[in-house]
Protein backbone atom coordinates (compact mmCIF):
# COMPACT_ATOMS: atom_id res chain seq x y z
CA MET A 1 19.32 -7.38 26.36
CA GLU A 2 18.17 -3.75 25.92
CA THR A 3 14.85 -3.53 24.65
CA ALA A 4 14.68 -0.34 22.83
CA GLY A 5 11.38 0.10 24.08
CA PHE A 6 9.95 -3.16 22.10
CA ARG A 7 6.73 -4.93 23.69
CA PHE A 8 5.72 -7.59 22.12
CA ASP A 9 2.54 -9.56 22.08
CA ASN A 10 2.39 -12.23 19.77
CA THR A 11 -1.27 -13.30 19.66
CA TYR A 12 -0.80 -14.43 15.61
CA THR A 13 0.78 -17.58 17.31
CA ARG A 14 -2.16 -18.47 18.95
CA LEU A 15 -4.11 -19.62 16.05
CA PRO A 16 -3.74 -23.18 14.65
CA GLY A 17 -0.22 -23.70 13.72
CA VAL A 18 -1.29 -24.36 10.01
CA PHE A 19 -0.93 -20.78 9.83
CA PHE A 20 2.82 -20.20 10.32
CA SER A 21 6.21 -22.01 10.89
CA ARG A 22 8.49 -20.70 13.39
CA VAL A 23 12.06 -19.98 11.94
CA ALA A 24 14.99 -18.17 12.87
CA ALA A 25 16.37 -15.14 10.47
CA GLU A 26 19.68 -16.26 8.83
CA LYS A 27 22.58 -14.40 10.05
CA VAL A 28 23.76 -11.60 8.15
CA GLY A 29 27.96 -10.72 7.73
CA ALA A 30 27.80 -6.64 8.31
CA PRO A 31 24.81 -5.13 9.18
CA ALA A 32 24.61 -1.72 9.29
CA ILE A 33 21.32 0.86 9.18
CA VAL A 34 21.15 2.44 5.88
CA ALA A 35 17.47 3.94 6.45
CA PHE A 36 15.93 4.77 9.91
CA ASN A 37 12.81 6.46 10.51
CA ALA A 38 13.16 7.69 13.63
CA PRO A 39 9.57 9.77 13.70
CA LEU A 40 7.79 6.51 13.25
CA ALA A 41 9.79 5.10 16.18
CA ARG A 42 9.04 7.84 18.47
CA GLU A 43 5.15 7.09 17.12
CA MET A 44 5.47 3.82 18.48
CA GLY A 45 6.84 4.44 21.68
CA LEU A 46 10.29 3.09 20.80
CA ASP A 47 13.66 4.42 22.12
CA ALA A 48 15.06 5.93 18.17
CA VAL A 49 18.37 6.54 19.79
CA ALA A 50 18.95 3.15 21.08
CA LEU A 51 17.74 1.82 17.74
CA ASP A 52 20.01 4.29 15.15
CA SER A 53 22.72 1.92 16.77
CA PRO A 54 24.88 -1.42 16.43
CA LEU A 55 21.99 -2.59 18.77
CA GLY A 56 19.39 -1.47 15.94
CA ALA A 57 21.09 -3.06 12.96
CA GLY A 58 21.51 -6.18 14.93
CA PHE A 59 17.42 -6.38 15.27
CA PHE A 60 16.88 -5.06 11.95
CA SER A 61 18.97 -7.44 10.00
CA GLY A 62 17.63 -10.55 11.98
CA ASN A 63 21.21 -11.23 13.28
CA ALA A 64 19.70 -10.57 17.12
CA VAL A 65 15.95 -11.12 18.16
CA PRO A 66 14.67 -8.34 20.55
CA PRO A 67 13.23 -9.70 23.79
CA GLY A 68 9.88 -10.95 23.55
CA ALA A 69 9.65 -11.68 19.98
CA ASP A 70 8.55 -15.04 18.55
CA PRO A 71 9.41 -14.78 14.91
CA VAL A 72 7.54 -16.97 12.48
CA ALA A 73 6.84 -17.45 8.80
CA GLN A 74 3.30 -16.89 7.86
CA ALA A 75 1.35 -19.25 5.24
CA TYR A 76 -1.10 -17.92 3.19
CA ALA A 77 -1.75 -18.80 -0.43
CA GLY A 78 -2.97 -16.03 -3.74
CA HIS A 79 -4.18 -15.72 -6.70
CA GLN A 80 -1.25 -14.17 -8.85
CA PHE A 81 -2.38 -12.43 -12.10
CA GLY A 82 -5.36 -14.64 -11.55
CA HIS A 83 -3.79 -17.94 -11.02
CA PHE A 84 -4.24 -19.88 -7.83
CA THR A 85 -1.09 -20.39 -6.05
CA VAL A 86 0.31 -21.76 -2.52
CA LEU A 87 2.36 -19.16 -1.19
CA GLY A 88 3.63 -17.79 2.40
CA ASP A 89 6.39 -15.75 3.71
CA GLY A 90 9.09 -16.95 1.30
CA ARG A 91 11.74 -14.05 2.60
CA ALA A 92 9.99 -12.49 5.45
CA LEU A 93 9.49 -12.97 9.37
CA LEU A 94 7.19 -11.86 11.69
CA LEU A 95 8.97 -10.60 14.90
CA GLY A 96 5.48 -10.49 16.53
CA GLU A 97 3.07 -7.88 17.54
CA HIS A 98 4.50 -4.27 18.92
CA VAL A 99 2.23 -2.90 21.29
CA GLY A 100 3.24 0.68 22.07
CA THR A 101 1.89 4.22 22.76
CA GLY A 102 -1.94 4.45 23.31
CA GLY A 103 -1.86 0.54 23.05
CA VAL A 104 -1.60 0.74 19.30
CA ARG A 105 -0.77 -3.03 17.98
CA ARG A 106 1.43 -2.95 15.08
CA ASP A 107 2.85 -6.42 13.31
CA VAL A 108 7.15 -5.83 13.04
CA GLN A 109 8.48 -7.80 9.90
CA LEU A 110 11.53 -8.58 8.51
CA LYS A 111 12.29 -8.73 4.67
CA GLY A 112 14.68 -10.25 3.00
CA SER A 113 15.84 -12.09 6.14
CA GLY A 114 16.70 -15.60 4.46
CA ARG A 115 14.83 -18.60 3.62
CA THR A 116 11.75 -20.41 5.34
CA PRO A 117 9.51 -23.30 4.63
CA TYR A 118 7.67 -21.05 2.37
CA SER A 119 10.55 -19.97 -0.20
CA ARG A 120 10.47 -22.77 -2.66
CA ARG A 121 13.72 -22.28 -5.24
CA GLY A 122 14.09 -18.53 -4.01
CA ASP A 123 17.11 -17.40 -1.46
CA GLY A 124 14.80 -15.66 0.81
CA ARG A 125 17.26 -12.65 0.44
CA ALA A 126 16.18 -9.13 -0.65
CA ALA A 127 18.24 -6.53 -2.67
CA LEU A 128 19.16 -3.37 -1.46
CA GLY A 129 17.28 -1.07 -4.17
CA PRO A 130 13.67 -3.07 -3.70
CA MET A 131 13.97 -2.27 -0.05
CA LEU A 132 15.03 1.37 -0.20
CA ARG A 133 12.08 2.01 -2.58
CA GLU A 134 9.37 0.08 -0.28
CA HIS A 135 10.74 2.76 2.72
CA ILE A 136 10.50 5.49 0.23
CA MET A 137 6.90 4.94 -1.15
CA GLY A 138 5.25 3.51 2.02
CA GLU A 139 6.32 6.86 3.63
CA ALA A 140 4.91 8.91 0.71
CA MET A 141 1.96 7.55 0.90
CA HIS A 142 1.60 7.97 4.33
CA ALA A 143 2.17 11.78 3.86
CA LEU A 144 -0.51 11.54 1.29
CA GLY A 145 -2.83 10.47 3.88
CA ILE A 146 -2.93 7.02 2.32
CA PRO A 147 -3.43 4.04 4.26
CA THR A 148 -0.11 2.07 4.04
CA THR A 149 2.26 -0.29 5.80
CA ARG A 150 5.39 1.60 6.73
CA SER A 151 8.96 1.18 7.25
CA LEU A 152 10.83 1.44 10.26
CA ALA A 153 14.22 0.74 9.06
CA VAL A 154 16.31 -0.53 6.06
CA ALA A 155 19.41 -2.59 7.26
CA ALA A 156 22.15 -3.55 4.33
CA THR A 157 23.82 -6.92 5.09
CA GLY A 158 27.18 -6.13 3.52
CA GLU A 159 26.61 -9.26 1.30
CA VAL A 160 25.61 -9.96 -2.45
CA VAL A 161 22.48 -11.44 -3.43
CA GLU A 162 22.18 -12.44 -7.20
CA ARG A 163 19.45 -11.95 -9.33
CA ASP A 164 20.26 -10.59 -13.17
CA GLU A 165 23.26 -9.53 -11.78
CA PRO A 166 24.81 -9.28 -8.41
CA LEU A 167 23.12 -6.68 -5.81
CA PRO A 168 24.11 -5.50 -2.49
CA GLY A 169 21.70 -7.30 -0.09
CA ALA A 170 19.21 -5.31 2.50
CA VAL A 171 16.34 -6.30 5.17
CA LEU A 172 13.47 -3.87 5.35
CA VAL A 173 11.62 -3.63 8.58
CA ARG A 174 8.34 -3.30 7.53
CA VAL A 175 5.39 -2.23 10.08
CA ALA A 176 1.72 -2.90 9.58
CA ALA A 177 -1.77 -3.03 11.55
CA SER A 178 -1.32 -6.95 10.30
CA HIS A 179 -0.30 -9.04 7.77
CA ILE A 180 -3.61 -10.90 7.49
CA ARG A 181 -4.31 -10.99 3.37
CA VAL A 182 -7.11 -12.16 1.00
CA GLY A 183 -4.94 -14.94 0.82
CA THR A 184 -4.54 -15.62 4.33
CA PHE A 185 -8.22 -16.76 4.23
CA GLU A 186 -7.66 -18.33 0.65
CA PHE A 187 -5.05 -20.71 2.55
CA ALA A 188 -7.47 -21.41 5.51
CA SER A 189 -10.54 -22.62 3.00
CA LEU A 190 -7.33 -24.72 1.27
CA THR A 191 -7.13 -26.62 4.78
CA ARG A 192 -10.61 -27.87 4.23
CA ASP A 193 -11.00 -27.47 8.23
CA VAL A 194 -13.94 -25.13 8.61
CA GLY A 195 -12.42 -25.17 12.15
CA ASN A 196 -9.52 -22.78 10.97
CA LEU A 197 -11.14 -20.69 8.80
CA ARG A 198 -13.29 -19.83 11.81
CA ALA A 199 -10.59 -19.32 14.25
CA LEU A 200 -9.07 -16.89 11.60
CA VAL A 201 -12.47 -14.78 11.12
CA ASP A 202 -12.66 -14.78 14.82
CA TYR A 203 -9.13 -13.46 15.16
CA THR A 204 -9.13 -10.90 12.14
CA VAL A 205 -12.60 -9.54 14.01
CA GLN A 206 -10.94 -9.15 16.91
CA ARG A 207 -8.16 -7.39 15.61
CA HIS A 208 -9.50 -5.13 12.68
CA PHE A 209 -13.38 -5.22 12.76
CA PRO A 210 -14.28 -5.48 16.90
CA GLU A 211 -17.67 -3.68 15.53
CA CYS A 212 -18.60 -7.03 13.47
CA ALA A 213 -18.04 -9.46 16.56
CA GLY A 214 -21.73 -9.04 17.74
CA ALA A 215 -23.30 -9.73 14.42
CA ALA A 216 -25.39 -12.77 13.62
CA CYS A 217 -22.55 -13.85 11.11
CA PRO A 218 -19.60 -12.22 12.16
CA ALA A 219 -17.74 -13.55 8.64
CA LEU A 220 -20.44 -11.87 6.73
CA ALA A 221 -20.41 -8.58 8.51
CA MET A 222 -16.49 -8.39 8.16
CA LEU A 223 -16.47 -9.13 4.10
CA GLY A 224 -18.79 -6.14 3.99
CA GLU A 225 -16.66 -3.92 6.00
CA ALA A 226 -13.71 -5.43 4.30
CA VAL A 227 -15.48 -4.32 0.78
CA ARG A 228 -15.94 -0.68 2.24
CA ARG A 229 -12.07 -0.29 3.38
CA GLN A 230 -10.83 -1.90 -0.18
CA ALA A 231 -13.19 0.91 -2.09
CA ALA A 232 -12.22 3.84 -0.01
CA LEU A 233 -8.30 2.43 -0.33
CA VAL A 234 -8.28 2.24 -4.07
CA ALA A 235 -10.43 5.33 -4.53
CA LYS A 236 -7.69 7.20 -2.75
CA TRP A 237 -5.03 5.39 -5.01
CA MET A 238 -6.70 6.62 -7.86
CA GLY A 239 -7.03 10.17 -6.38
CA VAL A 240 -2.95 10.21 -6.49
CA GLY A 241 -2.28 8.47 -9.39
CA PHE A 242 -0.79 5.50 -8.10
CA ILE A 243 -0.70 2.49 -9.54
CA HIS A 244 0.18 -0.62 -7.23
CA GLY A 245 1.42 -3.20 -10.05
CA VAL A 246 0.89 -6.48 -8.42
CA MET A 247 -2.56 -6.66 -7.08
CA ASN A 248 -2.82 -10.25 -6.19
CA THR A 249 -4.88 -11.30 -3.73
CA ASP A 250 -1.71 -12.00 -1.20
CA ASN A 251 -1.46 -8.35 -1.57
CA MET A 252 -4.75 -7.21 -0.37
CA ALA A 253 -4.53 -6.77 3.40
CA LEU A 254 -8.01 -7.49 5.38
CA SER A 255 -6.80 -4.19 7.36
CA GLY A 256 -7.18 -1.83 4.46
CA GLU A 257 -3.75 -0.62 3.92
CA THR A 258 -1.46 -0.67 1.10
CA ILE A 259 0.80 -3.56 1.33
CA ASP A 260 3.63 -4.76 -0.98
CA TYR A 261 5.47 -1.76 -2.98
CA GLY A 262 7.30 -4.21 -5.55
CA PRO A 263 6.67 -2.94 -9.17
CA CYS A 264 4.43 -0.14 -8.15
CA ALA A 265 4.69 3.51 -9.62
CA PHE A 266 2.86 6.79 -10.11
CA LEU A 267 1.15 8.17 -13.51
CA ASP A 268 2.96 10.95 -14.81
CA THR A 269 1.22 11.57 -17.87
CA TYR A 270 -1.94 10.72 -17.60
CA ASP A 271 -3.26 7.35 -19.06
CA PRO A 272 -5.96 4.64 -17.50
CA GLY A 273 -4.47 2.41 -19.37
CA ALA A 274 -0.77 2.51 -17.91
CA VAL A 275 1.29 -0.42 -16.91
CA PHE A 276 4.62 0.25 -15.63
CA SER A 277 5.28 -3.43 -14.21
CA SER A 278 7.55 -5.35 -16.40
CA ILE A 279 5.83 -8.49 -15.15
CA ASP A 280 2.26 -7.51 -15.96
CA ARG A 281 2.52 -8.31 -19.75
CA HIS A 282 -1.38 -8.06 -20.69
CA GLY A 283 -2.31 -4.81 -18.47
CA ARG A 284 -4.25 -6.64 -15.77
CA TYR A 285 -3.00 -4.61 -13.02
CA ALA A 286 -3.16 -1.14 -15.11
CA TYR A 287 -4.20 1.98 -13.70
CA GLY A 288 -8.12 1.91 -14.82
CA ASN A 289 -8.37 -1.77 -14.03
CA GLN A 290 -7.49 -1.05 -10.22
CA PRO A 291 -11.40 -1.22 -9.15
CA SER A 292 -12.77 -4.11 -11.12
CA ILE A 293 -9.33 -5.86 -9.73
CA ALA A 294 -10.14 -4.87 -6.09
CA HIS A 295 -13.65 -6.60 -6.52
CA TRP A 296 -12.44 -9.22 -8.19
CA ASN A 297 -9.98 -9.96 -5.11
CA LEU A 298 -13.29 -9.43 -2.74
CA ALA A 299 -15.12 -12.26 -4.43
CA ARG A 300 -12.08 -14.43 -3.90
CA LEU A 301 -12.31 -13.45 0.14
CA ALA A 302 -16.12 -14.77 -0.03
CA GLU A 303 -15.99 -17.68 -1.90
CA ALA A 304 -13.27 -18.84 1.25
CA LEU A 305 -15.68 -17.45 3.73
CA LEU A 306 -18.63 -19.44 2.03
CA PRO A 307 -19.08 -22.16 4.49
CA LEU A 308 -19.48 -19.64 7.43
CA PHE A 309 -22.09 -17.80 5.50
CA ASP A 310 -24.93 -21.00 5.30
CA GLY A 311 -24.99 -24.54 5.17
CA ASP A 312 -26.69 -24.46 2.08
CA GLY A 313 -24.15 -24.02 -0.55
CA GLU A 314 -26.34 -21.83 -2.87
CA LYS A 315 -27.97 -19.99 -0.06
CA ALA A 316 -23.96 -18.89 0.98
CA VAL A 317 -23.39 -17.98 -2.66
CA GLU A 318 -26.25 -15.73 -2.48
CA THR A 319 -25.45 -14.19 0.55
CA ALA A 320 -21.85 -13.86 -0.64
CA LYS A 321 -23.32 -11.90 -3.97
CA GLU A 322 -25.28 -9.73 -2.08
CA ALA A 323 -22.26 -8.54 0.13
CA LEU A 324 -19.91 -8.04 -2.85
CA GLY A 325 -22.85 -5.84 -5.08
CA ILE A 326 -22.21 -3.20 -2.80
CA PHE A 327 -18.53 -2.38 -4.01
CA PRO A 328 -19.61 -0.76 -7.17
CA GLU A 329 -21.82 2.01 -5.62
CA GLU A 330 -19.33 1.96 -2.40
CA PHE A 331 -16.27 2.55 -5.03
CA ARG A 332 -18.35 5.09 -7.16
CA ALA A 333 -19.05 7.11 -3.70
CA ARG A 334 -15.82 7.43 -2.61
CA TRP A 335 -14.18 7.93 -5.99
CA LEU A 336 -16.39 11.13 -6.32
CA GLU A 337 -15.71 12.16 -2.82
CA VAL A 338 -11.74 12.05 -3.70
CA MET A 339 -11.84 12.96 -7.35
CA GLY A 340 -14.54 15.78 -6.15
CA ALA A 341 -12.45 17.31 -3.71
CA LYS A 342 -9.83 17.35 -6.67
CA LEU A 343 -12.06 20.01 -8.38
CA GLY A 344 -12.90 21.72 -5.18
CA LEU A 345 -16.41 20.35 -4.81
CA ALA A 346 -17.13 20.05 -1.23
CA GLU A 347 -20.44 17.48 -1.56
CA PRO A 348 -19.97 16.27 -5.01
CA GLY A 349 -23.25 14.35 -6.57
CA GLY A 350 -25.86 14.76 -9.53
CA ASP A 351 -23.83 15.45 -12.76
CA ASP A 352 -20.25 15.50 -10.97
CA GLU A 353 -19.35 12.51 -12.41
CA LYS A 354 -19.47 13.65 -15.65
CA LEU A 355 -17.50 16.77 -15.05
CA ILE A 356 -14.88 14.87 -13.62
CA GLY A 357 -15.03 12.55 -16.41
CA ASP A 358 -14.69 14.97 -18.67
CA TYR A 359 -11.82 17.01 -17.18
CA LEU A 360 -10.06 13.51 -17.16
CA GLU A 361 -10.71 12.67 -20.78
CA TRP A 362 -9.69 16.01 -21.81
CA MET A 363 -6.19 15.22 -19.48
CA HIS A 364 -5.54 11.92 -21.49
CA ARG A 365 -6.24 13.65 -24.84
CA GLU A 366 -3.68 16.17 -24.55
CA GLY A 367 -0.96 14.42 -22.35
CA VAL A 368 -1.46 16.14 -19.59
CA ASP A 369 0.61 15.50 -16.20
CA PHE A 370 -2.15 14.09 -13.94
CA THR A 371 -0.55 15.82 -10.53
CA ASN A 372 0.13 19.13 -12.31
CA GLY A 373 -2.65 18.94 -14.28
CA PHE A 374 -4.93 18.87 -11.16
CA ARG A 375 -2.82 21.17 -9.32
CA SER A 376 -2.32 23.62 -11.99
CA LEU A 377 -6.32 24.32 -12.07
CA ASP A 378 -7.08 27.52 -10.36
CA PRO A 379 -10.76 28.91 -10.57
CA GLY A 380 -9.71 32.52 -10.25
CA ALA A 381 -7.70 32.21 -13.54
CA GLN A 382 -8.45 34.73 -16.16
CA ALA A 383 -8.56 32.09 -19.02
CA ALA A 384 -9.01 28.72 -19.51
CA PRO A 385 -6.26 26.12 -20.95
CA ALA A 386 -6.96 25.37 -24.74
CA GLY A 387 -9.79 23.30 -25.60
CA LEU A 388 -11.22 23.43 -22.23
CA GLY A 389 -13.73 26.31 -22.63
CA ASP A 390 -17.01 24.75 -22.28
CA TRP A 391 -15.92 22.54 -19.35
CA TRP A 392 -14.65 25.24 -17.78
CA ALA A 393 -17.61 27.15 -17.38
CA ARG A 394 -19.29 24.45 -16.37
CA TRP A 395 -17.01 23.88 -13.32
CA LEU A 396 -17.24 27.70 -12.74
CA ALA A 397 -20.79 27.47 -12.77
CA ARG A 398 -20.60 24.33 -10.34
CA ILE A 399 -18.24 25.97 -7.80
CA SER A 400 -20.61 28.65 -7.53
CA GLU A 401 -23.34 26.59 -6.87
CA GLN A 402 -21.92 25.69 -3.28
CA PRO A 403 -21.55 27.57 -0.10
CA GLY A 404 -18.34 29.42 0.10
CA GLY A 405 -17.68 29.21 -3.93
CA GLU A 406 -13.97 29.85 -5.18
CA GLN A 407 -12.63 30.42 -1.80
CA ARG A 408 -13.92 27.14 -0.35
CA ALA A 409 -13.22 25.16 -3.55
CA GLN A 410 -9.36 26.71 -3.94
CA GLY A 411 -8.54 25.89 -0.35
CA LEU A 412 -10.15 21.91 -0.71
CA MET A 413 -8.07 21.88 -3.85
CA ARG A 414 -4.83 22.87 -2.13
CA ARG A 415 -5.31 19.61 0.36
CA ALA A 416 -6.61 17.34 -2.23
CA ASN A 417 -3.86 17.68 -4.89
CA PRO A 418 -0.25 16.93 -4.12
CA PHE A 419 2.51 19.41 -5.04
CA VAL A 420 5.00 16.52 -5.18
CA ILE A 421 4.75 12.84 -5.12
CA PRO A 422 7.42 10.17 -5.69
CA ARG A 423 8.19 10.73 -9.49
CA ASN A 424 9.37 7.57 -10.78
CA HIS A 425 12.64 9.28 -11.98
CA ARG A 426 13.39 10.49 -9.06
CA VAL A 427 13.13 7.70 -6.93
CA GLU A 428 15.13 5.75 -9.66
CA GLU A 429 17.96 8.44 -9.39
CA ALA A 430 17.99 7.72 -5.67
CA LEU A 431 17.83 4.44 -5.59
CA ALA A 432 20.70 4.45 -8.16
CA ALA A 433 23.02 6.63 -6.04
CA ALA A 434 22.22 4.40 -3.23
CA ALA A 435 23.76 1.63 -4.95
CA GLN A 436 26.96 3.73 -4.98
CA GLY A 437 26.68 4.06 -1.53
CA ASP A 438 25.47 7.69 -1.54
CA PHE A 439 22.34 7.71 0.52
CA SER A 440 21.81 11.62 0.36
CA VAL A 441 19.44 11.79 -2.57
CA MET A 442 17.23 9.65 -1.04
CA ARG A 443 17.20 11.34 2.19
CA GLU A 444 16.32 14.92 0.19
CA LEU A 445 13.59 13.23 -1.52
CA MET A 446 12.04 11.82 1.64
CA GLU A 447 12.35 15.39 3.21
CA VAL A 448 10.41 16.92 0.43
CA LEU A 449 7.80 13.76 0.05
CA ALA A 450 7.17 14.14 3.85
CA ASP A 451 5.22 17.58 3.29
CA PRO A 452 3.66 16.49 -0.11
CA PHE A 453 1.10 19.71 -0.21
CA SER A 454 3.43 22.65 0.11
CA GLU A 455 5.11 24.28 -2.81
CA THR A 456 8.76 25.43 -1.62
CA GLU A 457 11.36 26.46 -3.59
CA ARG A 458 12.98 22.95 -3.10
CA SER A 459 9.80 20.93 -3.88
CA ARG A 460 9.85 22.76 -7.01
CA THR A 461 12.00 20.54 -8.47
CA TYR A 462 10.38 17.39 -7.64
CA ALA A 463 7.40 18.77 -9.20
CA VAL A 464 8.60 18.44 -13.00
CA PRO A 465 7.66 15.90 -14.78
CA PRO A 466 9.75 13.26 -17.07
CA LEU A 467 10.71 14.59 -20.40
CA ASP A 468 9.01 11.60 -21.73
CA GLY A 469 5.92 11.49 -19.58
CA GLY A 470 6.90 8.49 -17.82
CA ARG A 471 5.90 6.83 -21.02
CA GLY A 472 8.90 4.65 -21.36
CA HIS A 473 9.59 3.74 -17.33
CA ARG A 474 9.35 0.17 -16.42
CA THR A 475 9.35 -1.21 -13.14
CA PHE A 476 10.65 -4.75 -11.52
CA CYS A 477 9.55 -6.94 -8.81
CA GLY A 478 12.01 -7.31 -6.00
CA THR A 479 12.54 -11.02 -5.96
């Protein structure tokens, strides 16, 4: 069979069998590619021409297995809205790890490929809209410079999935550094077999944290690096107004990539308490709560790793607390870098946290659009916006202190403040058109989002916020 350039090396299946189940995808009636990421395919060393064809439709829908693939559903657990649950890939299959250009290893996963042993009462399928949302969001985040899983393709199945209403079915082909999650370690801990836990740590260290392999306690060193990666990731989310929407521990990847674009959204009007997810009824995963939730999730990772820290339970807990204790300062440092750059500050420090905070407070009080509020700041402007006089003077004075002054600040700000983001109403518009068979709206949106920091005649339309400031927007979980 034509391989289309796939080169699989399935190291995950060399872990103890408790971590996965071998499963075949369920066949679909009429597979057709409705979105294909040719640039990513080429980046992976795949044959983009061969894949954008009926051959690719067969691979992407699960109707055919690429040579060398070894499909498995992964087992994991997770704290969902704070409550522990045993989970697993209920509608996804890891085809394997493609080793591409330069030896880069990436998981290739089908999402929406049918039932698995972990499906519980689910049908294992996915609807077209949520899969296209993940396709749009992952590529938008990648263009914004934020670590993320990506979408190689979306294949329509030609079948209907039953949700609140009948919807067209689809399969997403997700590409990730790996699908190892905090919840994977929680599952390993649940087995009460230290051998399983150690095997998972050794595997994860080899794959994502090789610098930790020689540490006295690789599990502890890995935890410290995971803390740093998550602090940096969430700081970048905050910098573009991204709200993940469902920060359960099974949706936190050890690689430090953003994973799972279910009920996610972007801020329009700035509000630290903004929640768009229909299932987040108490605001647990609100925009402003994301740093503390990341810290909480990491604590669950530390709990799972306790047996490897020390044979003495009390000493193990103290060791974990010390490792977790770096998160607040690590996040603060990364947040200052991200937000400082948005104000043109090359090396933020001193009173800059207050300078940033005061501007955010003004935006919240005045109902200012988050993206446009930063993008429109110009230290060369003749006058300050209403109500910002004192802050404006402090900001200009701070900019004048740093080497390069105003010119350097403007350059930093243009690189740190996107002109366009995937505005929620624009994404919904694209998904609504796609549901009717018109994919041109989505394609144009994605072309604009591929270059988010450039202001062009076409992109100006996409920079306009919704009339209600986004306050009425709601997102829904794809299941």
